[in-house]
Amino acid sequence: MSQLDVLCPLDRYWGKFTPANLAFNANLQEFSHQVSLIVALETGGKLSPQAAYEQIEALRTVLSRSKQQLGIGGDGRWELGDGR
């Protein structure tokens, strides 16, 4: 196990498989990881609450754009896989 595996763990995708769903899942995991780092910095006093909010909002915008470009959940709802 490398240091990168410890710092940036990725889980396998268990949802309904399509290339778009798989790509979005990777984007979602990256979003989650980056938000975790921002929260840790804000909690530790290294980042102001406003700066943390702005960074997370920018990441959310990128994730939302990714969702639209991949055509995931076109009806505005997030689809959940059946877990198999």
PDB file of N, CA and C in Angstrom:
ATOM      1  N   MET A   1       0.852  -1.172   0.000  1.00  0.00           N
ATOM      2  CA  MET A   1       0.000   0.000   0.000  1.00  0.00           C
ATOM      3  C   MET A   1       0.900   1.237   0.000  1.00  0.00           C
ATOM      4  N   SER A   2       0.647   2.122  -0.928  1.00  0.00           N
ATOM      5  CA  SER A   2       1.461   3.329  -1.045  1.00  0.00           C
ATOM      6  C   SER A   2       0.905   4.443  -0.163  1.00  0.00           C
ATOM      7  N   GLN A   3       1.704   5.472  -0.004  1.00  0.00           N
ATOM      8  CA  GLN A   3       1.280   6.636   0.775  1.00  0.00           C
ATOM      9  C   GLN A   3       0.064   7.293   0.113  1.00  0.00           C
ATOM     10  N   LEU A   4       0.023   7.288  -1.216  1.00  0.00           N
ATOM     11  CA  LEU A   4      -1.113   7.859  -1.931  1.00  0.00           C
ATOM     12  C   LEU A   4      -2.399   7.087  -1.633  1.00  0.00           C
ATOM     13  N   ASP A   5      -2.301   5.753  -1.514  1.00  0.00           N
ATOM     14  CA  ASP A   5      -3.474   4.942  -1.179  1.00  0.00           C
ATOM     15  C   ASP A   5      -4.038   5.310   0.188  1.00  0.00           C
ATOM     16  N   VAL A   6      -3.154   5.652   1.107  1.00  0.00           N
ATOM     17  CA  VAL A   6      -3.582   6.026   2.453  1.00  0.00           C
ATOM     18  C   VAL A   6      -4.190   7.419   2.456  1.00  0.00           C
ATOM     19  N   LEU A   7      -3.572   8.351   1.743  1.00  0.00           N
ATOM     20  CA  LEU A   7      -4.037   9.734   1.736  1.00  0.00           C
ATOM     21  C   LEU A   7      -5.257   9.957   0.856  1.00  0.00           C
ATOM     22  N   CYS A   8      -5.382   9.200  -0.221  1.00  0.00           N
ATOM     23  CA  CYS A   8      -6.467   9.389  -1.187  1.00  0.00           C
ATOM     24  C   CYS A   8      -7.143   8.055  -1.496  1.00  0.00           C
ATOM     25  N   PRO A   9      -7.798   7.448  -0.510  1.00  0.00           N
ATOM     26  CA  PRO A   9      -8.412   6.152  -0.782  1.00  0.00           C
ATOM     27  C   PRO A   9      -9.594   6.284  -1.737  1.00  0.00           C
ATOM     28  N   LEU A  10      -9.738   5.333  -2.608  1.00  0.00           N
ATOM     29  CA  LEU A  10     -10.889   5.276  -3.510  1.00  0.00           C
ATOM     30  C   LEU A  10     -11.596   3.950  -3.291  1.00  0.00           C
ATOM     31  N   ASP A  11     -12.903   3.992  -3.206  1.00  0.00           N
ATOM     32  CA  ASP A  11     -13.694   2.779  -3.097  1.00  0.00           C
ATOM     33  C   ASP A  11     -14.123   2.329  -4.472  1.00  0.00           C
ATOM     34  N   ARG A  12     -14.381   1.047  -4.600  1.00  0.00           N
ATOM     35  CA  ARG A  12     -14.905   0.564  -5.878  1.00  0.00           C
ATOM     36  C   ARG A  12     -16.342   1.032  -6.048  1.00  0.00           C
ATOM     37  N   TYR A  13     -16.797   1.030  -7.269  1.00  0.00           N
ATOM     38  CA  TYR A  13     -18.141   1.515  -7.605  1.00  0.00           C
ATOM     39  C   TYR A  13     -19.105   0.342  -7.592  1.00  0.00           C
ATOM     40  N   TRP A  14     -20.168   0.458  -6.802  1.00  0.00           N
ATOM     41  CA  TRP A  14     -21.144  -0.625  -6.674  1.00  0.00           C
ATOM     42  C   TRP A  14     -22.474  -0.295  -7.344  1.00  0.00           C
ATOM     43  N   GLY A  15     -22.629   0.866  -7.923  1.00  0.00           N
ATOM     44  CA  GLY A  15     -23.903   1.269  -8.528  1.00  0.00           C
ATOM     45  C   GLY A  15     -24.115   0.659  -9.906  1.00  0.00           C
ATOM     46  N   LYS A  16     -25.159   1.114 -10.560  1.00  0.00           N
ATOM     47  CA  LYS A  16     -25.474   0.663 -11.910  1.00  0.00           C
ATOM     48  C   LYS A  16     -24.342   1.099 -12.838  1.00  0.00           C
ATOM     49  N   PHE A  17     -23.712   0.130 -13.513  1.00  0.00           N
ATOM     50  CA  PHE A  17     -22.538   0.459 -14.313  1.00  0.00           C
ATOM     51  C   PHE A  17     -22.905   1.062 -15.657  1.00  0.00           C
ATOM     52  N   THR A  18     -22.386   2.253 -15.880  1.00  0.00           N
ATOM     53  CA  THR A  18     -22.300   2.871 -17.202  1.00  0.00           C
ATOM     54  C   THR A  18     -20.984   3.652 -17.163  1.00  0.00           C
ATOM     55  N   PRO A  19     -20.364   3.905 -18.300  1.00  0.00           N
ATOM     56  CA  PRO A  19     -19.142   4.708 -18.268  1.00  0.00           C
ATOM     57  C   PRO A  19     -19.354   6.077 -17.607  1.00  0.00           C
ATOM     58  N   ALA A  20     -20.512   6.692 -17.863  1.00  0.00           N
ATOM     59  CA  ALA A  20     -20.797   8.005 -17.269  1.00  0.00           C
ATOM     60  C   ALA A  20     -20.915   7.903 -15.750  1.00  0.00           C
ATOM     61  N   ASN A  21     -21.621   6.867 -15.263  1.00  0.00           N
ATOM     62  CA  ASN A  21     -21.757   6.689 -13.820  1.00  0.00           C
ATOM     63  C   ASN A  21     -20.403   6.457 -13.164  1.00  0.00           C
ATOM     64  N   LEU A  22     -19.564   5.663 -13.798  1.00  0.00           N
ATOM     65  CA  LEU A  22     -18.239   5.380 -13.260  1.00  0.00           C
ATOM     66  C   LEU A  22     -17.380   6.648 -13.213  1.00  0.00           C
ATOM     67  N   ALA A  23     -17.432   7.434 -14.278  1.00  0.00           N
ATOM     68  CA  ALA A  23     -16.673   8.692 -14.315  1.00  0.00           C
ATOM     69  C   ALA A  23     -17.179   9.659 -13.251  1.00  0.00           C
ATOM     70  N   PHE A  24     -18.506   9.747 -13.107  1.00  0.00           N
ATOM     71  CA  PHE A  24     -19.056  10.655 -12.111  1.00  0.00           C
ATOM     72  C   PHE A  24     -18.691  10.196 -10.701  1.00  0.00           C
ATOM     73  N   ASN A  25     -18.698   8.887 -10.475  1.00  0.00           N
ATOM     74  CA  ASN A  25     -18.323   8.366  -9.169  1.00  0.00           C
ATOM     75  C   ASN A  25     -16.894   8.772  -8.814  1.00  0.00           C
ATOM     76  N   ALA A  26     -15.984   8.686  -9.776  1.00  0.00           N
ATOM     77  CA  ALA A  26     -14.604   9.111  -9.540  1.00  0.00           C
ATOM     78  C   ALA A  26     -14.559  10.602  -9.200  1.00  0.00           C
ATOM     79  N   ASN A  27     -15.336  11.404  -9.917  1.00  0.00           N
ATOM     80  CA  ASN A  27     -15.402  12.843  -9.642  1.00  0.00           C
ATOM     81  C   ASN A  27     -15.977  13.109  -8.248  1.00  0.00           C
ATOM     82  N   LEU A  28     -16.999  12.341  -7.881  1.00  0.00           N
ATOM     83  CA  LEU A  28     -17.632  12.501  -6.577  1.00  0.00           C
ATOM     84  C   LEU A  28     -16.672  12.141  -5.443  1.00  0.00           C
ATOM     85  N   GLN A  29     -15.902  11.070  -5.628  1.00  0.00           N
ATOM     86  CA  GLN A  29     -14.931  10.689  -4.609  1.00  0.00           C
ATOM     87  C   GLN A  29     -13.833  11.751  -4.468  1.00  0.00           C
ATOM     88  N   GLU A  30     -13.406  12.314  -5.584  1.00  0.00           N
ATOM     89  CA  GLU A  30     -12.407  13.386  -5.535  1.00  0.00           C
ATOM     90  C   GLU A  30     -12.974  14.608  -4.815  1.00  0.00           C
ATOM     91  N   PHE A  31     -14.230  14.952  -5.110  1.00  0.00           N
ATOM     92  CA  PHE A  31     -14.906  16.060  -4.430  1.00  0.00           C
ATOM     93  C   PHE A  31     -14.927  15.816  -2.920  1.00  0.00           C
ATOM     94  N   SER A  32     -15.315  14.627  -2.538  1.00  0.00           N
ATOM     95  CA  SER A  32     -15.397  14.267  -1.122  1.00  0.00           C
ATOM     96  C   SER A  32     -14.042  14.398  -0.435  1.00  0.00           C
ATOM     97  N   HIS A  33     -13.016  13.921  -1.099  1.00  0.00           N
ATOM     98  CA  HIS A  33     -11.672  13.993  -0.531  1.00  0.00           C
ATOM     99  C   HIS A  33     -11.232  15.443  -0.353  1.00  0.00           C
ATOM    100  N   GLN A  34     -11.450  16.260  -1.364  1.00  0.00           N
ATOM    101  CA  GLN A  34     -11.044  17.663  -1.287  1.00  0.00           C
ATOM    102  C   GLN A  34     -11.830  18.418  -0.218  1.00  0.00           C
ATOM    103  N   VAL A  35     -13.126  18.124  -0.094  1.00  0.00           N
ATOM    104  CA  VAL A  35     -13.932  18.763   0.943  1.00  0.00           C
ATOM    105  C   VAL A  35     -13.416  18.367   2.323  1.00  0.00           C
ATOM    106  N   SER A  36     -13.048  17.106   2.494  1.00  0.00           N
ATOM    107  CA  SER A  36     -12.506  16.655   3.778  1.00  0.00           C
ATOM    108  C   SER A  36     -11.242  17.432   4.156  1.00  0.00           C
ATOM    109  N   LEU A  37     -10.378  17.660   3.176  1.00  0.00           N
ATOM    110  CA  LEU A  37      -9.156  18.422   3.444  1.00  0.00           C
ATOM    111  C   LEU A  37      -9.468  19.876   3.804  1.00  0.00           C
ATOM    112  N   ILE A  38     -10.398  20.477   3.095  1.00  0.00           N
ATOM    113  CA  ILE A  38     -10.782  21.868   3.374  1.00  0.00           C
ATOM    114  C   ILE A  38     -11.383  21.976   4.774  1.00  0.00           C
ATOM    115  N   VAL A  39     -12.241  21.038   5.134  1.00  0.00           N
ATOM    116  CA  VAL A  39     -12.853  21.044   6.466  1.00  0.00           C
ATOM    117  C   VAL A  39     -11.780  20.901   7.546  1.00  0.00           C
ATOM    118  N   ALA A  40     -10.817  20.021   7.319  1.00  0.00           N
ATOM    119  CA  ALA A  40      -9.737  19.843   8.293  1.00  0.00           C
ATOM    120  C   ALA A  40      -8.928  21.130   8.459  1.00  0.00           C
ATOM    121  N   LEU A  41      -8.644  21.806   7.362  1.00  0.00           N
ATOM    122  CA  LEU A  41      -7.905  23.072   7.435  1.00  0.00           C
ATOM    123  C   LEU A  41      -8.703  24.145   8.170  1.00  0.00           C
ATOM    124  N   GLU A  42      -9.997  24.198   7.916  1.00  0.00           N
ATOM    125  CA  GLU A  42     -10.841  25.190   8.581  1.00  0.00           C
ATOM    126  C   GLU A  42     -10.959  24.865  10.068  1.00  0.00           C
ATOM    127  N   THR A  43     -11.142  23.599  10.390  1.00  0.00           N
ATOM    128  CA  THR A  43     -11.251  23.185  11.791  1.00  0.00           C
ATOM    129  C   THR A  43      -9.965  23.480  12.547  1.00  0.00           C
ATOM    130  N   GLY A  44      -8.844  23.297  11.887  1.00  0.00           N
ATOM    131  CA  GLY A  44      -7.550  23.560  12.511  1.00  0.00           C
ATOM    132  C   GLY A  44      -7.157  25.027  12.532  1.00  0.00           C
ATOM    133  N   GLY A  45      -7.999  25.893  12.021  1.00  0.00           N
ATOM    134  CA  GLY A  45      -7.718  27.318  12.060  1.00  0.00           C
ATOM    135  C   GLY A  45      -6.781  27.801  10.964  1.00  0.00           C
ATOM    136  N   LYS A  46      -6.483  26.970   9.987  1.00  0.00           N
ATOM    137  CA  LYS A  46      -5.574  27.354   8.908  1.00  0.00           C
ATOM    138  C   LYS A  46      -6.305  28.013   7.741  1.00  0.00           C
ATOM    139  N   LEU A  47      -7.632  27.960   7.775  1.00  0.00           N
ATOM    140  CA  LEU A  47      -8.456  28.501   6.694  1.00  0.00           C
ATOM    141  C   LEU A  47      -9.684  29.134   7.340  1.00  0.00           C
ATOM    142  N   SER A  48     -10.048  30.321   6.884  1.00  0.00           N
ATOM    143  CA  SER A  48     -11.225  30.981   7.457  1.00  0.00           C
ATOM    144  C   SER A  48     -12.498  30.263   7.012  1.00  0.00           C
ATOM    145  N   PRO A  49     -13.567  30.380   7.800  1.00  0.00           N
ATOM    146  CA  PRO A  49     -14.834  29.772   7.390  1.00  0.00           C
ATOM    147  C   PRO A  49     -15.297  30.278   6.020  1.00  0.00           C
ATOM    148  N   GLN A  50     -15.120  31.562   5.747  1.00  0.00           N
ATOM    149  CA  GLN A  50     -15.538  32.121   4.458  1.00  0.00           C
ATOM    150  C   GLN A  50     -14.732  31.522   3.312  1.00  0.00           C
ATOM    151  N   ALA A  51     -13.417  31.411   3.489  1.00  0.00           N
ATOM    152  CA  ALA A  51     -12.570  30.825   2.451  1.00  0.00           C
ATOM    153  C   ALA A  51     -12.926  29.356   2.233  1.00  0.00           C
ATOM    154  N   ALA A  52     -13.196  28.642   3.324  1.00  0.00           N
ATOM    155  CA  ALA A  52     -13.596  27.232   3.201  1.00  0.00           C
ATOM    156  C   ALA A  52     -14.896  27.126   2.414  1.00  0.00           C
ATOM    157  N   TYR A  53     -15.862  27.968   2.763  1.00  0.00           N
ATOM    158  CA  TYR A  53     -17.142  27.957   2.057  1.00  0.00           C
ATOM    159  C   TYR A  53     -16.947  28.227   0.566  1.00  0.00           C
ATOM    160  N   GLU A  54     -16.155  29.236   0.252  1.00  0.00           N
ATOM    161  CA  GLU A  54     -15.945  29.594  -1.158  1.00  0.00           C
ATOM    162  C   GLU A  54     -15.256  28.469  -1.923  1.00  0.00           C
ATOM    163  N   GLN A  55     -14.290  27.811  -1.293  1.00  0.00           N
ATOM    164  CA  GLN A  55     -13.603  26.703  -1.967  1.00  0.00           C
ATOM    165  C   GLN A  55     -14.535  25.518  -2.184  1.00  0.00           C
ATOM    166  N   ILE A  56     -15.343  25.209  -1.170  1.00  0.00           N
ATOM    167  CA  ILE A  56     -16.287  24.092  -1.306  1.00  0.00           C
ATOM    168  C   ILE A  56     -17.343  24.421  -2.350  1.00  0.00           C
ATOM    169  N   GLU A  57     -17.812  25.645  -2.376  1.00  0.00           N
ATOM    170  CA  GLU A  57     -18.801  26.044  -3.380  1.00  0.00           C
ATOM    171  C   GLU A  57     -18.229  25.932  -4.791  1.00  0.00           C
ATOM    172  N   ALA A  58     -16.971  26.312  -4.970  1.00  0.00           N
ATOM    173  CA  ALA A  58     -16.328  26.188  -6.280  1.00  0.00           C
ATOM    174  C   ALA A  58     -16.216  24.722  -6.682  1.00  0.00           C
ATOM    175  N   LEU A  59     -15.870  23.863  -5.734  1.00  0.00           N
ATOM    176  CA  LEU A  59     -15.795  22.423  -6.023  1.00  0.00           C
ATOM    177  C   LEU A  59     -17.173  21.859  -6.371  1.00  0.00           C
ATOM    178  N   ARG A  60     -18.205  22.338  -5.658  1.00  0.00           N
ATOM    179  CA  ARG A  60     -19.564  21.868  -5.930  1.00  0.00           C
ATOM    180  C   ARG A  60     -20.006  22.266  -7.336  1.00  0.00           C
ATOM    181  N   THR A  61     -19.622  23.457  -7.746  1.00  0.00           N
ATOM    182  CA  THR A  61     -19.953  23.918  -9.094  1.00  0.00           C
ATOM    183  C   THR A  61     -19.297  23.029 -10.143  1.00  0.00           C
ATOM    184  N   VAL A  62     -18.041  22.679  -9.920  1.00  0.00           N
ATOM    185  CA  VAL A  62     -17.330  21.789 -10.854  1.00  0.00           C
ATOM    186  C   VAL A  62     -18.007  20.423 -10.889  1.00  0.00           C
ATOM    187  N   LEU A  63     -18.389  19.899  -9.719  1.00  0.00           N
ATOM    188  CA  LEU A  63     -19.058  18.595  -9.661  1.00  0.00           C
ATOM    189  C   LEU A  63     -20.413  18.645 -10.375  1.00  0.00           C
ATOM    190  N   SER A  64     -21.139  19.717 -10.164  1.00  0.00           N
ATOM    191  CA  SER A  64     -22.435  19.875 -10.818  1.00  0.00           C
ATOM    192  C   SER A  64     -22.286  19.946 -12.336  1.00  0.00           C
ATOM    193  N   ARG A  65     -21.270  20.659 -12.797  1.00  0.00           N
ATOM    194  CA  ARG A  65     -21.003  20.752 -14.238  1.00  0.00           C
ATOM    195  C   ARG A  65     -20.652  19.374 -14.799  1.00  0.00           C
ATOM    196  N   SER A  66     -19.879  18.625 -14.041  1.00  0.00           N
ATOM    197  CA  SER A  66     -19.511  17.267 -14.446  1.00  0.00           C
ATOM    198  C   SER A  66     -20.764  16.401 -14.585  1.00  0.00           C
ATOM    199  N   LYS A  67     -21.665  16.515 -13.623  1.00  0.00           N
ATOM    200  CA  LYS A  67     -22.915  15.751 -13.657  1.00  0.00           C
ATOM    201  C   LYS A  67     -23.717  16.083 -14.915  1.00  0.00           C
ATOM    202  N   GLN A  68     -23.804  17.360 -15.228  1.00  0.00           N
ATOM    203  CA  GLN A  68     -24.552  17.774 -16.409  1.00  0.00           C
ATOM    204  C   GLN A  68     -23.883  17.281 -17.689  1.00  0.00           C
ATOM    205  N   GLN A  69     -22.559  17.414 -17.783  1.00  0.00           N
ATOM    206  CA  GLN A  69     -21.843  17.000 -18.987  1.00  0.00           C
ATOM    207  C   GLN A  69     -21.922  15.495 -19.210  1.00  0.00           C
ATOM    208  N   LEU A  70     -21.961  14.732 -18.122  1.00  0.00           N
ATOM    209  CA  LEU A  70     -22.039  13.282 -18.245  1.00  0.00           C
ATOM    210  C   LEU A  70     -23.472  12.796 -18.445  1.00  0.00           C
ATOM    211  N   GLY A  71     -24.447  13.687 -18.274  1.00  0.00           N
ATOM    212  CA  GLY A  71     -25.849  13.314 -18.466  1.00  0.00           C
ATOM    213  C   GLY A  71     -26.387  12.425 -17.365  1.00  0.00           C
ATOM    214  N   ILE A  72     -25.907  12.629 -16.154  1.00  0.00           N
ATOM    215  CA  ILE A  72     -26.350  11.833 -15.019  1.00  0.00           C
ATOM    216  C   ILE A  72     -27.596  12.460 -14.426  1.00  0.00           C
ATOM    217  N   GLY A  73     -28.666  11.658 -14.230  1.00  0.00           N
ATOM    218  CA  GLY A  73     -29.864  12.138 -13.557  1.00  0.00           C
ATOM    219  C   GLY A  73     -30.451  13.378 -14.186  1.00  0.00           C
ATOM    220  N   GLY A  74     -30.771  13.336 -15.465  1.00  0.00           N
ATOM    221  CA  GLY A  74     -31.262  14.491 -16.205  1.00  0.00           C
ATOM    222  C   GLY A  74     -32.511  15.122 -15.646  1.00  0.00           C
ATOM    223  N   ASP A  75     -33.251  14.379 -14.788  1.00  0.00           N
ATOM    224  CA  ASP A  75     -34.481  14.931 -14.227  1.00  0.00           C
ATOM    225  C   ASP A  75     -34.221  15.780 -12.984  1.00  0.00           C
ATOM    226  N   GLY A  76     -32.927  16.009 -12.663  1.00  0.00           N
ATOM    227  CA  GLY A  76     -32.605  16.845 -11.518  1.00  0.00           C
ATOM    228  C   GLY A  76     -32.450  16.070 -10.222  1.00  0.00           C
ATOM    229  N   ARG A  77     -32.737  14.765 -10.245  1.00  0.00           N
ATOM    230  CA  ARG A  77     -32.600  13.941  -9.046  1.00  0.00           C
ATOM    231  C   ARG A  77     -31.337  13.094  -9.172  1.00  0.00           C
ATOM    232  N   TRP A  78     -30.772  12.766  -8.021  1.00  0.00           N
ATOM    233  CA  TRP A  78     -29.617  11.866  -7.981  1.00  0.00           C
ATOM    234  C   TRP A  78     -30.142  10.446  -7.963  1.00  0.00           C
ATOM    235  N   GLU A  79     -29.606   9.594  -8.810  1.00  0.00           N
ATOM    236  CA  GLU A  79     -30.025   8.203  -8.830  1.00  0.00           C
ATOM    237  C   GLU A  79     -29.125   7.388  -7.933  1.00  0.00           C
ATOM    238  N   LEU A  80     -29.730   6.460  -7.198  1.00  0.00           N
ATOM    239  CA  LEU A  80     -28.964   5.573  -6.343  1.00  0.00           C
ATOM    240  C   LEU A  80     -28.924   4.193  -6.984  1.00  0.00           C
ATOM    241  N   GLY A  81     -27.772   3.555  -6.941  1.00  0.00           N
ATOM    242  CA  GLY A  81     -27.666   2.197  -7.440  1.00  0.00           C
ATOM    243  C   GLY A  81     -28.343   1.235  -6.495  1.00  0.00           C
ATOM    244  N   ASP A  82     -28.543   0.006  -6.929  1.00  0.00           N
ATOM    245  CA  ASP A  82     -29.187  -0.976  -6.070  1.00  0.00           C
ATOM    246  C   ASP A  82     -28.196  -1.667  -5.151  1.00  0.00           C
ATOM    247  N   GLY A  83     -26.920  -1.292  -5.202  1.00  0.00           N
ATOM    248  CA  GLY A  83     -25.927  -1.815  -4.290  1.00  0.00           C
ATOM    249  C   GLY A  83     -25.359  -3.162  -4.671  1.00  0.00           C
ATOM    250  N   ARG A  84     -25.697  -3.646  -5.864  1.00  0.00           N
ATOM    251  CA  ARG A  84     -25.156  -4.942  -6.305  1.00  0.00           C
ATOM    252  C   ARG A  84     -24.016  -4.771  -7.261  1.00  0.00           C
TER     253      ARG A  84
END
